[in-house]
Amino acid sequence: MRRRFLGLLGFATGVAVGTVLYRRSGRARRERVDLYFDDGSMVSLGDGTPGAERLLPVARQALSAARR
């Protein structure tokens, strides 16, 4: 009984760690710009879209200035 419990616990821990690592690796590669409007709507421009190509350099500069 105890051996089975430890096996299930190890499996669940492995699944949880794998999920976290998978989600982190996917987020690190994608850059995007989120635009929020007064009416509550939002538009997300992903890397490679025409609008994002113009806004991403500005966003990078703003973030680097805020981190100083």
PDB file of N, CA and C in Angstrom:
ATOM      1  N   MET A   1       0.824  -1.196   0.000  1.00  0.00           N
ATOM      2  CA  MET A   1       0.000   0.000   0.000  1.00  0.00           C
ATOM      3  C   MET A   1       0.867   1.259   0.000  1.00  0.00           C
ATOM      4  N   ARG A   2       1.869   1.277   0.883  1.00  0.00           N
ATOM      5  CA  ARG A   2       2.728   2.456   0.979  1.00  0.00           C
ATOM      6  C   ARG A   2       3.558   2.629  -0.293  1.00  0.00           C
ATOM      7  N   ARG A   3       4.005   1.519  -0.850  1.00  0.00           N
ATOM      8  CA  ARG A   3       4.797   1.583  -2.080  1.00  0.00           C
ATOM      9  C   ARG A   3       3.963   2.142  -3.233  1.00  0.00           C
ATOM     10  N   ARG A   4       2.737   1.749  -3.306  1.00  0.00           N
ATOM     11  CA  ARG A   4       1.845   2.247  -4.357  1.00  0.00           C
ATOM     12  C   ARG A   4       1.604   3.747  -4.183  1.00  0.00           C
ATOM     13  N   PHE A   5       1.400   4.172  -2.938  1.00  0.00           N
ATOM     14  CA  PHE A   5       1.193   5.591  -2.656  1.00  0.00           C
ATOM     15  C   PHE A   5       2.410   6.410  -3.067  1.00  0.00           C
ATOM     16  N   LEU A   6       3.605   5.931  -2.725  1.00  0.00           N
ATOM     17  CA  LEU A   6       4.825   6.652  -3.088  1.00  0.00           C
ATOM     18  C   LEU A   6       5.015   6.705  -4.603  1.00  0.00           C
ATOM     19  N   GLY A   7       4.636   5.647  -5.282  1.00  0.00           N
ATOM     20  CA  GLY A   7       4.706   5.644  -6.745  1.00  0.00           C
ATOM     21  C   GLY A   7       3.772   6.675  -7.356  1.00  0.00           C
ATOM     22  N   LEU A   8       2.552   6.735  -6.853  1.00  0.00           N
ATOM     23  CA  LEU A   8       1.594   7.724  -7.346  1.00  0.00           C
ATOM     24  C   LEU A   8       2.034   9.145  -7.016  1.00  0.00           C
ATOM     25  N   LEU A   9       2.593   9.335  -5.832  1.00  0.00           N
ATOM     26  CA  LEU A   9       3.091  10.649  -5.441  1.00  0.00           C
ATOM     27  C   LEU A   9       4.245  11.083  -6.342  1.00  0.00           C
ATOM     28  N   GLY A  10       5.150  10.173  -6.643  1.00  0.00           N
ATOM     29  CA  GLY A  10       6.260  10.479  -7.551  1.00  0.00           C
ATOM     30  C   GLY A  10       5.770  10.809  -8.950  1.00  0.00           C
ATOM     31  N   PHE A  11       4.788  10.062  -9.430  1.00  0.00           N
ATOM     32  CA  PHE A  11       4.225  10.322 -10.751  1.00  0.00           C
ATOM     33  C   PHE A  11       3.558  11.690 -10.798  1.00  0.00           C
ATOM     34  N   ALA A  12       2.763  12.011  -9.784  1.00  0.00           N
ATOM     35  CA  ALA A  12       2.074  13.309  -9.746  1.00  0.00           C
ATOM     36  C   ALA A  12       3.073  14.455  -9.660  1.00  0.00           C
ATOM     37  N   THR A  13       4.128  14.273  -8.886  1.00  0.00           N
ATOM     38  CA  THR A  13       5.160  15.306  -8.787  1.00  0.00           C
ATOM     39  C   THR A  13       5.846  15.506 -10.133  1.00  0.00           C
ATOM     40  N   GLY A  14       6.147  14.432 -10.820  1.00  0.00           N
ATOM     41  CA  GLY A  14       6.767  14.519 -12.141  1.00  0.00           C
ATOM     42  C   GLY A  14       5.887  15.235 -13.147  1.00  0.00           C
ATOM     43  N   VAL A  15       4.605  14.950 -13.118  1.00  0.00           N
ATOM     44  CA  VAL A  15       3.669  15.622 -14.022  1.00  0.00           C
ATOM     45  C   VAL A  15       3.609  17.113 -13.715  1.00  0.00           C
ATOM     46  N   ALA A  16       3.565  17.467 -12.445  1.00  0.00           N
ATOM     47  CA  ALA A  16       3.503  18.882 -12.060  1.00  0.00           C
ATOM     48  C   ALA A  16       4.766  19.621 -12.482  1.00  0.00           C
ATOM     49  N   VAL A  17       5.921  19.042 -12.245  1.00  0.00           N
ATOM     50  CA  VAL A  17       7.184  19.680 -12.630  1.00  0.00           C
ATOM     51  C   VAL A  17       7.276  19.794 -14.147  1.00  0.00           C
ATOM     52  N   GLY A  18       6.891  18.769 -14.860  1.00  0.00           N
ATOM     53  CA  GLY A  18       6.904  18.814 -16.321  1.00  0.00           C
ATOM     54  C   GLY A  18       5.990  19.888 -16.872  1.00  0.00           C
ATOM     55  N   THR A  19       4.835  20.053 -16.282  1.00  0.00           N
ATOM     56  CA  THR A  19       3.899  21.085 -16.723  1.00  0.00           C
ATOM     57  C   THR A  19       4.476  22.474 -16.517  1.00  0.00           C
ATOM     58  N   VAL A  20       5.078  22.708 -15.370  1.00  0.00           N
ATOM     59  CA  VAL A  20       5.672  24.022 -15.088  1.00  0.00           C
ATOM     60  C   VAL A  20       6.801  24.313 -16.068  1.00  0.00           C
ATOM     61  N   LEU A  21       7.675  23.359 -16.305  1.00  0.00           N
ATOM     62  CA  LEU A  21       8.790  23.568 -17.228  1.00  0.00           C
ATOM     63  C   LEU A  21       8.302  23.800 -18.653  1.00  0.00           C
ATOM     64  N   TYR A  22       7.291  23.073 -19.065  1.00  0.00           N
ATOM     65  CA  TYR A  22       6.745  23.246 -20.409  1.00  0.00           C
ATOM     66  C   TYR A  22       6.139  24.633 -20.585  1.00  0.00           C
ATOM     67  N   ARG A  23       5.399  25.092 -19.603  1.00  0.00           N
ATOM     68  CA  ARG A  23       4.763  26.407 -19.695  1.00  0.00           C
ATOM     69  C   ARG A  23       5.800  27.521 -19.675  1.00  0.00           C
ATOM     70  N   ARG A  24       6.848  27.383 -18.889  1.00  0.00           N
ATOM     71  CA  ARG A  24       7.902  28.402 -18.839  1.00  0.00           C
ATOM     72  C   ARG A  24       8.649  28.502 -20.153  1.00  0.00           C
ATOM     73  N   SER A  25       8.955  27.378 -20.769  1.00  0.00           N
ATOM     74  CA  SER A  25       9.726  27.406 -22.009  1.00  0.00           C
ATOM     75  C   SER A  25       8.915  28.019 -23.142  1.00  0.00           C
ATOM     76  N   GLY A  26       7.624  27.821 -23.156  1.00  0.00           N
ATOM     77  CA  GLY A  26       6.783  28.399 -24.200  1.00  0.00           C
ATOM     78  C   GLY A  26       6.607  29.891 -24.060  1.00  0.00           C
ATOM     79  N   ARG A  27       6.572  30.389 -22.847  1.00  0.00           N
ATOM     80  CA  ARG A  27       6.375  31.818 -22.619  1.00  0.00           C
ATOM     81  C   ARG A  27       7.620  32.635 -22.920  1.00  0.00           C
ATOM     82  N   ALA A  28       8.770  32.060 -22.718  1.00  0.00           N
ATOM     83  CA  ALA A  28      10.009  32.821 -22.870  1.00  0.00           C
ATOM     84  C   ALA A  28      10.263  33.202 -24.322  1.00  0.00           C
ATOM     85  N   ARG A  29       9.747  32.470 -25.251  1.00  0.00           N
ATOM     86  CA  ARG A  29      10.036  32.704 -26.661  1.00  0.00           C
ATOM     87  C   ARG A  29       9.096  33.706 -27.320  1.00  0.00           C
ATOM     88  N   ARG A  30       7.937  33.901 -26.769  1.00  0.00           N
ATOM     89  CA  ARG A  30       6.935  34.742 -27.425  1.00  0.00           C
ATOM     90  C   ARG A  30       6.895  36.128 -26.802  1.00  0.00           C
ATOM     91  N   GLU A  31       7.022  37.114 -27.645  1.00  0.00           N
ATOM     92  CA  GLU A  31       6.831  38.487 -27.191  1.00  0.00           C
ATOM     93  C   GLU A  31       5.523  38.974 -27.777  1.00  0.00           C
ATOM     94  N   ARG A  32       4.846  39.814 -27.029  1.00  0.00           N
ATOM     95  CA  ARG A  32       3.603  40.380 -27.531  1.00  0.00           C
ATOM     96  C   ARG A  32       3.360  41.719 -26.859  1.00  0.00           C
ATOM     97  N   VAL A  33       2.519  42.493 -27.488  1.00  0.00           N
ATOM     98  CA  VAL A  33       2.098  43.781 -26.944  1.00  0.00           C
ATOM     99  C   VAL A  33       0.602  43.687 -26.701  1.00  0.00           C
ATOM    100  N   ASP A  34       0.172  43.989 -25.483  1.00  0.00           N
ATOM    101  CA  ASP A  34      -1.248  44.011 -25.143  1.00  0.00           C
ATOM    102  C   ASP A  34      -1.699  45.459 -25.067  1.00  0.00           C
ATOM    103  N   LEU A  35      -2.707  45.790 -25.848  1.00  0.00           N
ATOM    104  CA  LEU A  35      -3.256  47.145 -25.861  1.00  0.00           C
ATOM    105  C   LEU A  35      -4.621  47.126 -25.182  1.00  0.00           C
ATOM    106  N   TYR A  36      -4.756  47.914 -24.135  1.00  0.00           N
ATOM    107  CA  TYR A  36      -6.009  48.004 -23.385  1.00  0.00           C
ATOM    108  C   TYR A  36      -6.686  49.329 -23.718  1.00  0.00           C
ATOM    109  N   PHE A  37      -7.972  49.279 -24.006  1.00  0.00           N
ATOM    110  CA  PHE A  37      -8.727  50.462 -24.386  1.00  0.00           C
ATOM    111  C   PHE A  37      -9.685  50.870 -23.271  1.00  0.00           C
ATOM    112  N   ASP A  38     -10.148  52.125 -23.325  1.00  0.00           N
ATOM    113  CA  ASP A  38     -11.027  52.674 -22.288  1.00  0.00           C
ATOM    114  C   ASP A  38     -12.344  51.915 -22.150  1.00  0.00           C
ATOM    115  N   ASP A  39     -12.818  51.319 -23.235  1.00  0.00           N
ATOM    116  CA  ASP A  39     -14.097  50.612 -23.162  1.00  0.00           C
ATOM    117  C   ASP A  39     -13.966  49.211 -22.554  1.00  0.00           C
ATOM    118  N   GLY A  40     -12.742  48.843 -22.144  1.00  0.00           N
ATOM    119  CA  GLY A  40     -12.528  47.553 -21.511  1.00  0.00           C
ATOM    120  C   GLY A  40     -12.045  46.465 -22.450  1.00  0.00           C
ATOM    121  N   SER A  41     -11.959  46.767 -23.728  1.00  0.00           N
ATOM    122  CA  SER A  41     -11.494  45.761 -24.671  1.00  0.00           C
ATOM    123  C   SER A  41      -9.965  45.717 -24.695  1.00  0.00           C
ATOM    124  N   MET A  42      -9.437  44.629 -25.239  1.00  0.00           N
ATOM    125  CA  MET A  42      -8.000  44.450 -25.322  1.00  0.00           C
ATOM    126  C   MET A  42      -7.651  43.787 -26.643  1.00  0.00           C
ATOM    127  N   VAL A  43      -6.523  44.198 -27.213  1.00  0.00           N
ATOM    128  CA  VAL A  43      -5.993  43.570 -28.415  1.00  0.00           C
ATOM    129  C   VAL A  43      -4.576  43.125 -28.094  1.00  0.00           C
ATOM    130  N   SER A  44      -4.257  41.896 -28.420  1.00  0.00           N
ATOM    131  CA  SER A  44      -2.921  41.364 -28.192  1.00  0.00           C
ATOM    132  C   SER A  44      -2.249  41.171 -29.545  1.00  0.00           C
ATOM    133  N   LEU A  45      -1.123  41.857 -29.745  1.00  0.00           N
ATOM    134  CA  LEU A  45      -0.377  41.763 -30.995  1.00  0.00           C
ATOM    135  C   LEU A  45       0.845  40.890 -30.764  1.00  0.00           C
ATOM    136  N   GLY A  46       0.895  39.768 -31.459  1.00  0.00           N
ATOM    137  CA  GLY A  46       2.004  38.847 -31.285  1.00  0.00           C
ATOM    138  C   GLY A  46       3.216  39.242 -32.093  1.00  0.00           C
ATOM    139  N   ASP A  47       4.344  38.668 -31.742  1.00  0.00           N
ATOM    140  CA  ASP A  47       5.596  38.923 -32.437  1.00  0.00           C
ATOM    141  C   ASP A  47       5.446  38.548 -33.910  1.00  0.00           C
ATOM    142  N   GLY A  48       5.835  39.446 -34.788  1.00  0.00           N
ATOM    143  CA  GLY A  48       5.744  39.210 -36.219  1.00  0.00           C
ATOM    144  C   GLY A  48       4.572  39.894 -36.888  1.00  0.00           C
ATOM    145  N   THR A  49       3.635  40.414 -36.134  1.00  0.00           N
ATOM    146  CA  THR A  49       2.533  41.157 -36.736  1.00  0.00           C
ATOM    147  C   THR A  49       2.993  42.586 -37.005  1.00  0.00           C
ATOM    148  N   PRO A  50       2.406  43.243 -38.013  1.00  0.00           N
ATOM    149  CA  PRO A  50       2.854  44.596 -38.373  1.00  0.00           C
ATOM    150  C   PRO A  50       2.784  45.597 -37.223  1.00  0.00           C
ATOM    151  N   GLY A  51       1.746  45.571 -36.443  1.00  0.00           N
ATOM    152  CA  GLY A  51       1.630  46.502 -35.327  1.00  0.00           C
ATOM    153  C   GLY A  51       2.655  46.231 -34.236  1.00  0.00           C
ATOM    154  N   ALA A  52       2.924  44.955 -33.981  1.00  0.00           N
ATOM    155  CA  ALA A  52       3.880  44.598 -32.931  1.00  0.00           C
ATOM    156  C   ALA A  52       5.302  44.960 -33.323  1.00  0.00           C
ATOM    157  N   GLU A  53       5.620  44.885 -34.603  1.00  0.00           N
ATOM    158  CA  GLU A  53       6.973  45.228 -35.050  1.00  0.00           C
ATOM    159  C   GLU A  53       7.307  46.678 -34.739  1.00  0.00           C
ATOM    160  N   ARG A  54       6.303  47.537 -34.750  1.00  0.00           N
ATOM    161  CA  ARG A  54       6.534  48.949 -34.421  1.00  0.00           C
ATOM    162  C   ARG A  54       6.505  49.196 -32.919  1.00  0.00           C
ATOM    163  N   LEU A  55       5.680  48.454 -32.188  1.00  0.00           N
ATOM    164  CA  LEU A  55       5.500  48.723 -30.763  1.00  0.00           C
ATOM    165  C   LEU A  55       6.480  47.986 -29.847  1.00  0.00           C
ATOM    166  N   LEU A  56       6.979  46.832 -30.260  1.00  0.00           N
ATOM    167  CA  LEU A  56       7.869  46.062 -29.390  1.00  0.00           C
ATOM    168  C   LEU A  56       9.155  46.810 -29.026  1.00  0.00           C
ATOM    169  N   PRO A  57       9.826  47.492 -29.966  1.00  0.00           N
ATOM    170  CA  PRO A  57      11.020  48.249 -29.556  1.00  0.00           C
ATOM    171  C   PRO A  57      10.705  49.346 -28.535  1.00  0.00           C
ATOM    172  N   VAL A  58       9.573  50.007 -28.696  1.00  0.00           N
ATOM    173  CA  VAL A  58       9.170  51.048 -27.741  1.00  0.00           C
ATOM    174  C   VAL A  58       8.889  50.423 -26.378  1.00  0.00           C
ATOM    175  N   ALA A  59       8.233  49.280 -26.371  1.00  0.00           N
ATOM    176  CA  ALA A  59       7.926  48.592 -25.115  1.00  0.00           C
ATOM    177  C   ALA A  59       9.203  48.117 -24.420  1.00  0.00           C
ATOM    178  N   ARG A  60      10.163  47.612 -25.197  1.00  0.00           N
ATOM    179  CA  ARG A  60      11.437  47.186 -24.605  1.00  0.00           C
ATOM    180  C   ARG A  60      12.154  48.360 -23.951  1.00  0.00           C
ATOM    181  N   GLN A  61      12.146  49.514 -24.617  1.00  0.00           N
ATOM    182  CA  GLN A  61      12.789  50.706 -24.052  1.00  0.00           C
ATOM    183  C   GLN A  61      12.092  51.139 -22.765  1.00  0.00           C
ATOM    184  N   ALA A  62      10.775  51.116 -22.767  1.00  0.00           N
ATOM    185  CA  ALA A  62      10.024  51.516 -21.574  1.00  0.00           C
ATOM    186  C   ALA A  62      10.308  50.568 -20.407  1.00  0.00           C
ATOM    187  N   LEU A  63      10.368  49.276 -20.683  1.00  0.00           N
ATOM    188  CA  LEU A  63      10.652  48.308 -19.620  1.00  0.00           C
ATOM    189  C   LEU A  63      12.074  48.454 -19.088  1.00  0.00           C
ATOM    190  N   SER A  64      13.026  48.683 -19.978  1.00  0.00           N
ATOM    191  CA  SER A  64      14.402  48.839 -19.498  1.00  0.00           C
ATOM    192  C   SER A  64      14.556  50.117 -18.681  1.00  0.00           C
ATOM    193  N   ALA A  65      13.845  51.179 -19.052  1.00  0.00           N
ATOM    194  CA  ALA A  65      13.899  52.423 -18.276  1.00  0.00           C
ATOM    195  C   ALA A  65      13.235  52.242 -16.911  1.00  0.00           C
ATOM    196  N   ALA A  66      12.178  51.454 -16.854  1.00  0.00           N
ATOM    197  CA  ALA A  66      11.476  51.232 -15.588  1.00  0.00           C
ATOM    198  C   ALA A  66      12.296  50.358 -14.640  1.00  0.00           C
ATOM    199  N   ARG A  67      13.136  49.493 -15.175  1.00  0.00           N
ATOM    200  CA  ARG A  67      13.936  48.586 -14.344  1.00  0.00           C
ATOM    201  C   ARG A  67      15.183  49.251 -13.778  1.00  0.00           C
ATOM    202  N   ARG A  68      15.533  50.419 -14.265  1.00  0.00           N
ATOM    203  CA  ARG A  68      16.740  51.119 -13.770  1.00  0.00           C
ATOM    204  C   ARG A  68      16.523  51.735 -12.442  1.00  0.00           C
TER     205      ARG A  68
END
